[in-house]
Amino acid sequence: MQISRLFEIVYIMLEKGKVTARELAERFEVTTRTIYRDVESLSAAGIPVYMTKGRNGGLSLLPEFVLDKTVLTQRERDEILSALAGLSATGRDEADGALSKLASLFGD
């Protein structure tokens, strides 16, 4: 599921700093082209993804980026968590990781 993957890509970049498209593609079992499309979606949503080319290149977030939970209203946060919980209940394992990460991020 793309939404879950997008959240997880942001989370990975927040944790690791820099990651290659190939690493992400292997992690999510998709093509690198899919990862680049995901990066385009993140950029369109206002997430400042920075790409560097070359031997030590990769994808990263601008250092000043912080995922601010105040961007979403409480109702929106609840709806996101409910949607992920519903996916998780249907046996979609990929929703479990996103659910736990967002639940801890949204915790008030």
PDB file of N, CA and C in Angstrom:
ATOM      1  N   MET A   1       0.845  -1.181   0.000  1.00  0.00           N
ATOM      2  CA  MET A   1       0.000   0.000   0.000  1.00  0.00           C
ATOM      3  C   MET A   1       0.885   1.236   0.000  1.00  0.00           C
ATOM      4  N   GLN A   2       0.608   2.172  -0.863  1.00  0.00           N
ATOM      5  CA  GLN A   2       1.468   3.316  -1.052  1.00  0.00           C
ATOM      6  C   GLN A   2       1.507   4.256   0.157  1.00  0.00           C
ATOM      7  N   ILE A   3       0.378   4.544   0.783  1.00  0.00           N
ATOM      8  CA  ILE A   3       0.358   5.482   1.906  1.00  0.00           C
ATOM      9  C   ILE A   3       1.254   4.977   3.029  1.00  0.00           C
ATOM     10  N   SER A   4       1.138   3.732   3.349  1.00  0.00           N
ATOM     11  CA  SER A   4       1.968   3.139   4.387  1.00  0.00           C
ATOM     12  C   SER A   4       3.441   3.236   4.005  1.00  0.00           C
ATOM     13  N   ARG A   5       3.737   2.963   2.739  1.00  0.00           N
ATOM     14  CA  ARG A   5       5.123   3.022   2.274  1.00  0.00           C
ATOM     15  C   ARG A   5       5.658   4.449   2.361  1.00  0.00           C
ATOM     16  N   LEU A   6       4.840   5.429   2.012  1.00  0.00           N
ATOM     17  CA  LEU A   6       5.279   6.824   2.077  1.00  0.00           C
ATOM     18  C   LEU A   6       5.628   7.222   3.506  1.00  0.00           C
ATOM     19  N   PHE A   7       4.755   6.865   4.454  1.00  0.00           N
ATOM     20  CA  PHE A   7       5.048   7.177   5.854  1.00  0.00           C
ATOM     21  C   PHE A   7       6.333   6.490   6.300  1.00  0.00           C
ATOM     22  N   GLU A   8       6.492   5.254   5.898  1.00  0.00           N
ATOM     23  CA  GLU A   8       7.673   4.516   6.327  1.00  0.00           C
ATOM     24  C   GLU A   8       8.946   5.064   5.686  1.00  0.00           C
ATOM     25  N   ILE A   9       8.869   5.516   4.442  1.00  0.00           N
ATOM     26  CA  ILE A   9      10.034   6.128   3.792  1.00  0.00           C
ATOM     27  C   ILE A   9      10.465   7.364   4.573  1.00  0.00           C
ATOM     28  N   VAL A  10       9.508   8.201   4.942  1.00  0.00           N
ATOM     29  CA  VAL A  10       9.837   9.398   5.731  1.00  0.00           C
ATOM     30  C   VAL A  10      10.456   8.989   7.061  1.00  0.00           C
ATOM     31  N   TYR A  11       9.874   8.012   7.711  1.00  0.00           N
ATOM     32  CA  TYR A  11      10.387   7.540   9.002  1.00  0.00           C
ATOM     33  C   TYR A  11      11.820   7.022   8.859  1.00  0.00           C
ATOM     34  N   ILE A  12      12.088   6.250   7.817  1.00  0.00           N
ATOM     35  CA  ILE A  12      13.434   5.709   7.589  1.00  0.00           C
ATOM     36  C   ILE A  12      14.429   6.842   7.369  1.00  0.00           C
ATOM     37  N   MET A  13      14.043   7.839   6.572  1.00  0.00           N
ATOM     38  CA  MET A  13      14.949   8.962   6.331  1.00  0.00           C
ATOM     39  C   MET A  13      15.172   9.776   7.600  1.00  0.00           C
ATOM     40  N   LEU A  14      14.155   9.902   8.438  1.00  0.00           N
ATOM     41  CA  LEU A  14      14.337  10.597   9.714  1.00  0.00           C
ATOM     42  C   LEU A  14      15.310   9.838  10.608  1.00  0.00           C
ATOM     43  N   GLU A  15      15.223   8.509  10.590  1.00  0.00           N
ATOM     44  CA  GLU A  15      16.073   7.677  11.441  1.00  0.00           C
ATOM     45  C   GLU A  15      17.501   7.551  10.910  1.00  0.00           C
ATOM     46  N   LYS A  16      17.649   7.268   9.617  1.00  0.00           N
ATOM     47  CA  LYS A  16      18.957   6.966   9.043  1.00  0.00           C
ATOM     48  C   LYS A  16      19.675   8.180   8.487  1.00  0.00           C
ATOM     49  N   GLY A  17      18.952   9.227   8.189  1.00  0.00           N
ATOM     50  CA  GLY A  17      19.575  10.390   7.571  1.00  0.00           C
ATOM     51  C   GLY A  17      19.571  10.286   6.058  1.00  0.00           C
ATOM     52  N   LYS A  18      20.372   9.363   5.521  1.00  0.00           N
ATOM     53  CA  LYS A  18      20.452   9.192   4.072  1.00  0.00           C
ATOM     54  C   LYS A  18      20.264   7.726   3.737  1.00  0.00           C
ATOM     55  N   VAL A  19      19.525   7.459   2.678  1.00  0.00           N
ATOM     56  CA  VAL A  19      19.257   6.091   2.239  1.00  0.00           C
ATOM     57  C   VAL A  19      19.185   6.098   0.712  1.00  0.00           C
ATOM     58  N   THR A  20      19.606   5.015   0.089  1.00  0.00           N
ATOM     59  CA  THR A  20      19.553   4.958  -1.368  1.00  0.00           C
ATOM     60  C   THR A  20      18.190   4.448  -1.832  1.00  0.00           C
ATOM     61  N   ALA A  21      17.858   4.804  -3.061  1.00  0.00           N
ATOM     62  CA  ALA A  21      16.606   4.319  -3.655  1.00  0.00           C
ATOM     63  C   ALA A  21      16.639   2.798  -3.759  1.00  0.00           C
ATOM     64  N   ARG A  22      17.801   2.249  -4.025  1.00  0.00           N
ATOM     65  CA  ARG A  22      17.930   0.792  -4.127  1.00  0.00           C
ATOM     66  C   ARG A  22      17.632   0.120  -2.787  1.00  0.00           C
ATOM     67  N   GLU A  23      18.151   0.695  -1.688  1.00  0.00           N
ATOM     68  CA  GLU A  23      17.869   0.135  -0.356  1.00  0.00           C
ATOM     69  C   GLU A  23      16.365   0.148  -0.071  1.00  0.00           C
ATOM     70  N   LEU A  24      15.732   1.268  -0.393  1.00  0.00           N
ATOM     71  CA  LEU A  24      14.289   1.368  -0.163  1.00  0.00           C
ATOM     72  C   LEU A  24      13.516   0.398  -1.055  1.00  0.00           C
ATOM     73  N   ALA A  25      13.939   0.280  -2.308  1.00  0.00           N
ATOM     74  CA  ALA A  25      13.264  -0.633  -3.235  1.00  0.00           C
ATOM     75  C   ALA A  25      13.353  -2.070  -2.731  1.00  0.00           C
ATOM     76  N   GLU A  26      14.524  -2.460  -2.235  1.00  0.00           N
ATOM     77  CA  GLU A  26      14.679  -3.813  -1.697  1.00  0.00           C
ATOM     78  C   GLU A  26      13.835  -3.999  -0.442  1.00  0.00           C
ATOM     79  N   ARG A  27      13.819  -3.000   0.406  1.00  0.00           N
ATOM     80  CA  ARG A  27      13.055  -3.082   1.654  1.00  0.00           C
ATOM     81  C   ARG A  27      11.564  -3.273   1.395  1.00  0.00           C
ATOM     82  N   PHE A  28      11.035  -2.535   0.410  1.00  0.00           N
ATOM     83  CA  PHE A  28       9.598  -2.566   0.132  1.00  0.00           C
ATOM     84  C   PHE A  28       9.222  -3.500  -1.019  1.00  0.00           C
ATOM     85  N   GLU A  29      10.233  -4.150  -1.587  1.00  0.00           N
ATOM     86  CA  GLU A  29      10.016  -5.091  -2.695  1.00  0.00           C
ATOM     87  C   GLU A  29       9.289  -4.436  -3.867  1.00  0.00           C
ATOM     88  N   VAL A  30       9.803  -3.270  -4.259  1.00  0.00           N
ATOM     89  CA  VAL A  30       9.295  -2.542  -5.419  1.00  0.00           C
ATOM     90  C   VAL A  30      10.499  -2.131  -6.262  1.00  0.00           C
ATOM     91  N   THR A  31      10.254  -1.503  -7.394  1.00  0.00           N
ATOM     92  CA  THR A  31      11.351  -1.041  -8.239  1.00  0.00           C
ATOM     93  C   THR A  31      11.876   0.307  -7.742  1.00  0.00           C
ATOM     94  N   THR A  32      13.083   0.652  -8.173  1.00  0.00           N
ATOM     95  CA  THR A  32      13.616   1.968  -7.809  1.00  0.00           C
ATOM     96  C   THR A  32      12.768   3.069  -8.444  1.00  0.00           C
ATOM     97  N   ARG A  33      12.205   2.793  -9.608  1.00  0.00           N
ATOM     98  CA  ARG A  33      11.324   3.776 -10.250  1.00  0.00           C
ATOM     99  C   ARG A  33      10.114   4.075  -9.363  1.00  0.00           C
ATOM    100  N   THR A  34       9.573   3.052  -8.719  1.00  0.00           N
ATOM    101  CA  THR A  34       8.452   3.252  -7.795  1.00  0.00           C
ATOM    102  C   THR A  34       8.884   4.139  -6.633  1.00  0.00           C
ATOM    103  N   ILE A  35      10.086   3.912  -6.126  1.00  0.00           N
ATOM    104  CA  ILE A  35      10.604   4.743  -5.029  1.00  0.00           C
ATOM    105  C   ILE A  35      10.725   6.191  -5.485  1.00  0.00           C
ATOM    106  N   TYR A  36      11.233   6.417  -6.688  1.00  0.00           N
ATOM    107  CA  TYR A  36      11.340   7.790  -7.186  1.00  0.00           C
ATOM    108  C   TYR A  36       9.961   8.437  -7.359  1.00  0.00           C
ATOM    109  N   ARG A  37       8.968   7.664  -7.768  1.00  0.00           N
ATOM    110  CA  ARG A  37       7.595   8.200  -7.841  1.00  0.00           C
ATOM    111  C   ARG A  37       7.091   8.548  -6.438  1.00  0.00           C
ATOM    112  N   ASP A  38       7.422   7.697  -5.461  1.00  0.00           N
ATOM    113  CA  ASP A  38       7.040   7.985  -4.080  1.00  0.00           C
ATOM    114  C   ASP A  38       7.696   9.277  -3.596  1.00  0.00           C
ATOM    115  N   VAL A  39       8.960   9.465  -3.947  1.00  0.00           N
ATOM    116  CA  VAL A  39       9.677  10.684  -3.564  1.00  0.00           C
ATOM    117  C   VAL A  39       9.009  11.902  -4.201  1.00  0.00           C
ATOM    118  N   GLU A  40       8.579  11.772  -5.446  1.00  0.00           N
ATOM    119  CA  GLU A  40       7.855  12.868  -6.103  1.00  0.00           C
ATOM    120  C   GLU A  40       6.558  13.178  -5.359  1.00  0.00           C
ATOM    121  N   SER A  41       5.857  12.145  -4.912  1.00  0.00           N
ATOM    122  CA  SER A  41       4.615  12.338  -4.148  1.00  0.00           C
ATOM    123  C   SER A  41       4.896  13.039  -2.827  1.00  0.00           C
ATOM    124  N   LEU A  42       5.964  12.632  -2.159  1.00  0.00           N
ATOM    125  CA  LEU A  42       6.338  13.272  -0.892  1.00  0.00           C
ATOM    126  C   LEU A  42       6.676  14.740  -1.116  1.00  0.00           C
ATOM    127  N   SER A  43       7.437  15.021  -2.166  1.00  0.00           N
ATOM    128  CA  SER A  43       7.804  16.407  -2.472  1.00  0.00           C
ATOM    129  C   SER A  43       6.569  17.245  -2.783  1.00  0.00           C
ATOM    130  N   ALA A  44       5.636  16.675  -3.531  1.00  0.00           N
ATOM    131  CA  ALA A  44       4.400  17.389  -3.862  1.00  0.00           C
ATOM    132  C   ALA A  44       3.576  17.678  -2.614  1.00  0.00           C
ATOM    133  N   ALA A  45       3.724  16.832  -1.594  1.00  0.00           N
ATOM    134  CA  ALA A  45       2.997  17.020  -0.336  1.00  0.00           C
ATOM    135  C   ALA A  45       3.726  17.972   0.610  1.00  0.00           C
ATOM    136  N   GLY A  46       4.860  18.505   0.175  1.00  0.00           N
ATOM    137  CA  GLY A  46       5.585  19.467   0.998  1.00  0.00           C
ATOM    138  C   GLY A  46       6.677  18.877   1.869  1.00  0.00           C
ATOM    139  N   ILE A  47       6.986  17.603   1.697  1.00  0.00           N
ATOM    140  CA  ILE A  47       8.070  16.973   2.460  1.00  0.00           C
ATOM    141  C   ILE A  47       9.365  17.261   1.706  1.00  0.00           C
ATOM    142  N   PRO A  48      10.336  17.936   2.328  1.00  0.00           N
ATOM    143  CA  PRO A  48      11.552  18.349   1.618  1.00  0.00           C
ATOM    144  C   PRO A  48      12.575  17.215   1.455  1.00  0.00           C
ATOM    145  N   VAL A  49      12.364  16.375   0.433  1.00  0.00           N
ATOM    146  CA  VAL A  49      13.291  15.279   0.153  1.00  0.00           C
ATOM    147  C   VAL A  49      14.404  15.820  -0.739  1.00  0.00           C
ATOM    148  N   TYR A  50      15.642  15.533  -0.357  1.00  0.00           N
ATOM    149  CA  TYR A  50      16.810  16.008  -1.072  1.00  0.00           C
ATOM    150  C   TYR A  50      17.522  14.809  -1.681  1.00  0.00           C
ATOM    151  N   MET A  51      17.831  14.871  -2.973  1.00  0.00           N
ATOM    152  CA  MET A  51      18.530  13.774  -3.643  1.00  0.00           C
ATOM    153  C   MET A  51      19.936  14.216  -4.021  1.00  0.00           C
ATOM    154  N   THR A  52      20.910  13.362  -3.709  1.00  0.00           N
ATOM    155  CA  THR A  52      22.281  13.608  -4.130  1.00  0.00           C
ATOM    156  C   THR A  52      22.731  12.441  -4.992  1.00  0.00           C
ATOM    157  N   LYS A  53      23.458  12.751  -6.051  1.00  0.00           N
ATOM    158  CA  LYS A  53      23.940  11.726  -6.973  1.00  0.00           C
ATOM    159  C   LYS A  53      25.368  11.342  -6.613  1.00  0.00           C
ATOM    160  N   GLY A  54      25.799  10.241  -7.176  1.00  0.00           N
ATOM    161  CA  GLY A  54      27.185   9.832  -7.012  1.00  0.00           C
ATOM    162  C   GLY A  54      27.365   8.704  -6.021  1.00  0.00           C
ATOM    163  N   ARG A  55      28.618   8.395  -5.784  1.00  0.00           N
ATOM    164  CA  ARG A  55      28.990   7.261  -4.943  1.00  0.00           C
ATOM    165  C   ARG A  55      28.385   7.336  -3.543  1.00  0.00           C
ATOM    166  N   ASN A  56      28.405   8.480  -2.933  1.00  0.00           N
ATOM    167  CA  ASN A  56      27.863   8.648  -1.578  1.00  0.00           C
ATOM    168  C   ASN A  56      26.493   9.309  -1.595  1.00  0.00           C
ATOM    169  N   GLY A  57      25.821   9.222  -2.720  1.00  0.00           N
ATOM    170  CA  GLY A  57      24.525   9.863  -2.869  1.00  0.00           C
ATOM    171  C   GLY A  57      23.405   9.084  -2.210  1.00  0.00           C
ATOM    172  N   GLY A  58      22.242   9.648  -2.309  1.00  0.00           N
ATOM    173  CA  GLY A  58      21.070   8.997  -1.745  1.00  0.00           C
ATOM    174  C   GLY A  58      19.948   9.990  -1.538  1.00  0.00           C
ATOM    175  N   LEU A  59      18.950   9.540  -0.838  1.00  0.00           N
ATOM    176  CA  LEU A  59      17.781  10.350  -0.521  1.00  0.00           C
ATOM    177  C   LEU A  59      17.836  10.731   0.946  1.00  0.00           C
ATOM    178  N   SER A  60      17.533  11.969   1.231  1.00  0.00           N
ATOM    179  CA  SER A  60      17.503  12.406   2.625  1.00  0.00           C
ATOM    180  C   SER A  60      16.517  13.559   2.754  1.00  0.00           C
ATOM    181  N   LEU A  61      16.205  13.874   3.978  1.00  0.00           N
ATOM    182  CA  LEU A  61      15.348  15.022   4.261  1.00  0.00           C
ATOM    183  C   LEU A  61      16.238  16.202   4.607  1.00  0.00           C
ATOM    184  N   LEU A  62      15.779  17.397   4.305  1.00  0.00           N
ATOM    185  CA  LEU A  62      16.545  18.568   4.707  1.00  0.00           C
ATOM    186  C   LEU A  62      16.680  18.559   6.223  1.00  0.00           C
ATOM    187  N   PRO A  63      17.843  18.953   6.736  1.00  0.00           N
ATOM    188  CA  PRO A  63      18.104  18.845   8.181  1.00  0.00           C
ATOM    189  C   PRO A  63      17.081  19.551   9.066  1.00  0.00           C
ATOM    190  N   GLU A  64      16.504  20.632   8.583  1.00  0.00           N
ATOM    191  CA  GLU A  64      15.557  21.381   9.416  1.00  0.00           C
ATOM    192  C   GLU A  64      14.144  20.803   9.401  1.00  0.00           C
ATOM    193  N   PHE A  65      13.932  19.721   8.628  1.00  0.00           N
ATOM    194  CA  PHE A  65      12.598  19.120   8.560  1.00  0.00           C
ATOM    195  C   PHE A  65      12.267  18.388   9.850  1.00  0.00           C
ATOM    196  N   VAL A  66      11.078  18.676  10.362  1.00  0.00           N
ATOM    197  CA  VAL A  66      10.550  17.979  11.533  1.00  0.00           C
ATOM    198  C   VAL A  66       9.117  17.604  11.204  1.00  0.00           C
ATOM    199  N   LEU A  67       8.759  16.363  11.454  1.00  0.00           N
ATOM    200  CA  LEU A  67       7.384  15.928  11.224  1.00  0.00           C
ATOM    201  C   LEU A  67       6.549  16.440  12.385  1.00  0.00           C
ATOM    202  N   ASP A  68       5.772  17.465  12.121  1.00  0.00           N
ATOM    203  CA  ASP A  68       5.014  18.145  13.165  1.00  0.00           C
ATOM    204  C   ASP A  68       3.584  17.623  13.207  1.00  0.00           C
ATOM    205  N   LYS A  69       3.213  17.043  14.318  1.00  0.00           N
ATOM    206  CA  LYS A  69       1.870  16.473  14.423  1.00  0.00           C
ATOM    207  C   LYS A  69       0.782  17.543  14.451  1.00  0.00           C
ATOM    208  N   THR A  70       1.135  18.796  14.659  1.00  0.00           N
ATOM    209  CA  THR A  70       0.120  19.841  14.688  1.00  0.00           C
ATOM    210  C   THR A  70      -0.380  20.195  13.296  1.00  0.00           C
ATOM    211  N   VAL A  71       0.256  19.670  12.261  1.00  0.00           N
ATOM    212  CA  VAL A  71      -0.213  19.901  10.901  1.00  0.00           C
ATOM    213  C   VAL A  71      -1.589  19.269  10.711  1.00  0.00           C
ATOM    214  N   LEU A  72      -1.845  18.180  11.412  1.00  0.00           N
ATOM    215  CA  LEU A  72      -3.120  17.474  11.327  1.00  0.00           C
ATOM    216  C   LEU A  72      -3.970  17.792  12.552  1.00  0.00           C
ATOM    217  N   THR A  73      -5.265  17.893  12.340  1.00  0.00           N
ATOM    218  CA  THR A  73      -6.157  18.075  13.482  1.00  0.00           C
ATOM    219  C   THR A  73      -6.270  16.756  14.240  1.00  0.00           C
ATOM    220  N   GLN A  74      -6.791  16.817  15.452  1.00  0.00           N
ATOM    221  CA  GLN A  74      -6.973  15.595  16.235  1.00  0.00           C
ATOM    222  C   GLN A  74      -7.887  14.620  15.503  1.00  0.00           C
ATOM    223  N   ARG A  75      -8.929  15.145  14.894  1.00  0.00           N
ATOM    224  CA  ARG A  75      -9.854  14.272  14.152  1.00  0.00           C
ATOM    225  C   ARG A  75      -9.141  13.582  12.989  1.00  0.00           C
ATOM    226  N   GLU A  76      -8.314  14.334  12.249  1.00  0.00           N
ATOM    227  CA  GLU A  76      -7.565  13.747  11.133  1.00  0.00           C
ATOM    228  C   GLU A  76      -6.602  12.668  11.623  1.00  0.00           C
ATOM    229  N   ARG A  77      -5.939  12.920  12.738  1.00  0.00           N
ATOM    230  CA  ARG A  77      -5.027  11.908  13.304  1.00  0.00           C
ATOM    231  C   ARG A  77      -5.806  10.660  13.688  1.00  0.00           C
ATOM    232  N   ASP A  78      -6.964  10.852  14.324  1.00  0.00           N
ATOM    233  CA  ASP A  78      -7.792   9.706  14.719  1.00  0.00           C
ATOM    234  C   ASP A  78      -8.257   8.913  13.501  1.00  0.00           C
ATOM    235  N   GLU A  79      -8.628   9.625  12.434  1.00  0.00           N
ATOM    236  CA  GLU A  79      -9.087   8.946  11.220  1.00  0.00           C
ATOM    237  C   GLU A  79      -7.963   8.147  10.565  1.00  0.00           C
ATOM    238  N   ILE A  80      -6.765   8.702  10.548  1.00  0.00           N
ATOM    239  CA  ILE A  80      -5.613   7.984   9.988  1.00  0.00           C
ATOM    240  C   ILE A  80      -5.346   6.718  10.784  1.00  0.00           C
ATOM    241  N   LEU A  81      -5.331   6.845  12.100  1.00  0.00           N
ATOM    242  CA  LEU A  81      -5.075   5.679  12.949  1.00  0.00           C
ATOM    243  C   LEU A  81      -6.179   4.638  12.804  1.00  0.00           C
ATOM    244  N   SER A  82      -7.423   5.085  12.686  1.00  0.00           N
ATOM    245  CA  SER A  82      -8.539   4.147  12.502  1.00  0.00           C
ATOM    246  C   SER A  82      -8.425   3.407  11.175  1.00  0.00           C
ATOM    247  N   ALA A  83      -8.055   4.129  10.134  1.00  0.00           N
ATOM    248  CA  ALA A  83      -7.899   3.499   8.819  1.00  0.00           C
ATOM    249  C   ALA A  83      -6.785   2.460   8.844  1.00  0.00           C
ATOM    250  N   LEU A  84      -5.671   2.795   9.458  1.00  0.00           N
ATOM    251  CA  LEU A  84      -4.568   1.837   9.548  1.00  0.00           C
ATOM    252  C   LEU A  84      -4.934   0.652  10.433  1.00  0.00           C
ATOM    253  N   ALA A  85      -5.684   0.903  11.502  1.00  0.00           N
ATOM    254  CA  ALA A  85      -6.124  -0.200  12.364  1.00  0.00           C
ATOM    255  C   ALA A  85      -7.047  -1.134  11.593  1.00  0.00           C
ATOM    256  N   GLY A  86      -7.902  -0.570  10.750  1.00  0.00           N
ATOM    257  CA  GLY A  86      -8.782  -1.389   9.920  1.00  0.00           C
ATOM    258  C   GLY A  86      -7.999  -2.248   8.945  1.00  0.00           C
ATOM    259  N   LEU A  87      -6.974  -1.666   8.330  1.00  0.00           N
ATOM    260  CA  LEU A  87      -6.120  -2.446   7.430  1.00  0.00           C
ATOM    261  C   LEU A  87      -5.387  -3.539   8.186  1.00  0.00           C
ATOM    262  N   SER A  88      -4.909  -3.191   9.349  1.00  0.00           N
ATOM    263  CA  SER A  88      -4.189  -4.165  10.173  1.00  0.00           C
ATOM    264  C   SER A  88      -5.087  -5.333  10.544  1.00  0.00           C
ATOM    265  N   ALA A  89      -6.346  -5.049  10.829  1.00  0.00           N
ATOM    266  CA  ALA A  89      -7.297  -6.093  11.220  1.00  0.00           C
ATOM    267  C   ALA A  89      -7.602  -7.062  10.081  1.00  0.00           C
ATOM    268  N   THR A  90      -7.384  -6.618   8.840  1.00  0.00           N
ATOM    269  CA  THR A  90      -7.629  -7.499   7.695  1.00  0.00           C
ATOM    270  C   THR A  90      -6.418  -8.356   7.360  1.00  0.00           C
ATOM    271  N   GLY A  91      -5.384  -8.259   8.189  1.00  0.00           N
ATOM    272  CA  GLY A  91      -4.197  -9.089   7.981  1.00  0.00           C
ATOM    273  C   GLY A  91      -3.109  -8.429   7.163  1.00  0.00           C
ATOM    274  N   ARG A  92      -3.231  -7.163   6.912  1.00  0.00           N
ATOM    275  CA  ARG A  92      -2.195  -6.451   6.165  1.00  0.00           C
ATOM    276  C   ARG A  92      -1.066  -6.083   7.117  1.00  0.00           C
ATOM    277  N   ASP A  93      -0.008  -6.860   7.070  1.00  0.00           N
ATOM    278  CA  ASP A  93       1.108  -6.661   7.989  1.00  0.00           C
ATOM    279  C   ASP A  93       1.803  -5.319   7.807  1.00  0.00           C
ATOM    280  N   GLU A  94       1.808  -4.795   6.581  1.00  0.00           N
ATOM    281  CA  GLU A  94       2.500  -3.532   6.347  1.00  0.00           C
ATOM    282  C   GLU A  94       1.842  -2.381   7.099  1.00  0.00           C
ATOM    283  N   ALA A  95       0.579  -2.528   7.445  1.00  0.00           N
ATOM    284  CA  ALA A  95      -0.114  -1.473   8.185  1.00  0.00           C
ATOM    285  C   ALA A  95       0.287  -1.462   9.655  1.00  0.00           C
ATOM    286  N   ASP A  96       0.721  -2.606  10.184  1.00  0.00           N
ATOM    287  CA  ASP A  96       1.091  -2.686  11.601  1.00  0.00           C
ATOM    288  C   ASP A  96       2.225  -1.731  11.956  1.00  0.00           C
ATOM    289  N   GLY A  97       3.275  -1.729  11.122  1.00  0.00           N
ATOM    290  CA  GLY A  97       4.420  -0.858  11.390  1.00  0.00           C
ATOM    291  C   GLY A  97       4.046   0.606  11.351  1.00  0.00           C
ATOM    292  N   ALA A  98       3.309   0.985  10.314  1.00  0.00           N
ATOM    293  CA  ALA A  98       2.891   2.380  10.190  1.00  0.00           C
ATOM    294  C   ALA A  98       1.967   2.768  11.333  1.00  0.00           C
ATOM    295  N   LEU A  99       1.088   1.853  11.726  1.00  0.00           N
ATOM    296  CA  LEU A  99       0.153   2.127  12.819  1.00  0.00           C
ATOM    297  C   LEU A  99       0.897   2.396  14.119  1.00  0.00           C
ATOM    298  N   SER A 100       1.853   1.551  14.455  1.00  0.00           N
ATOM    299  CA  SER A 100       2.566   1.746  15.725  1.00  0.00           C
ATOM    300  C   SER A 100       3.421   3.011  15.702  1.00  0.00           C
ATOM    301  N   LYS A 101       4.038   3.301  14.567  1.00  0.00           N
ATOM    302  CA  LYS A 101       4.876   4.502  14.475  1.00  0.00           C
ATOM    303  C   LYS A 101       4.040   5.771  14.564  1.00  0.00           C
ATOM    304  N   LEU A 102       2.926   5.789  13.837  1.00  0.00           N
ATOM    305  CA  LEU A 102       2.080   6.980  13.881  1.00  0.00           C
ATOM    306  C   LEU A 102       1.380   7.125  15.221  1.00  0.00           C
ATOM    307  N   ALA A 103       1.001   6.023  15.823  1.00  0.00           N
ATOM    308  CA  ALA A 103       0.364   6.097  17.143  1.00  0.00           C
ATOM    309  C   ALA A 103       1.324   6.715  18.151  1.00  0.00           C
ATOM    310  N   SER A 104       2.599   6.338  18.093  1.00  0.00           N
ATOM    311  CA  SER A 104       3.559   6.924  19.033  1.00  0.00           C
ATOM    312  C   SER A 104       3.853   8.377  18.677  1.00  0.00           C
ATOM    313  N   LEU A 105       3.854   8.699  17.386  1.00  0.00           N
ATOM    314  CA  LEU A 105       4.077  10.079  16.964  1.00  0.00           C
ATOM    315  C   LEU A 105       2.910  10.969  17.362  1.00  0.00           C
ATOM    316  N   PHE A 106       1.680  10.460  17.204  1.00  0.00           N
ATOM    317  CA  PHE A 106       0.489  11.241  17.499  1.00  0.00           C
ATOM    318  C   PHE A 106       0.144  11.266  18.983  1.00  0.00           C
ATOM    319  N   GLY A 107       0.785  10.434  19.779  1.00  0.00           N
ATOM    320  CA  GLY A 107       0.457  10.367  21.205  1.00  0.00           C
ATOM    321  C   GLY A 107       0.512  11.733  21.853  1.00  0.00           C
ATOM    322  N   ASP A 108      -0.552  12.072  22.539  1.00  0.00           N
ATOM    323  CA  ASP A 108      -0.628  13.415  23.156  1.00  0.00           C
ATOM    324  C   ASP A 108      -0.294  13.381  24.623  1.00  0.00           C
TER     325      ASP A 108
END
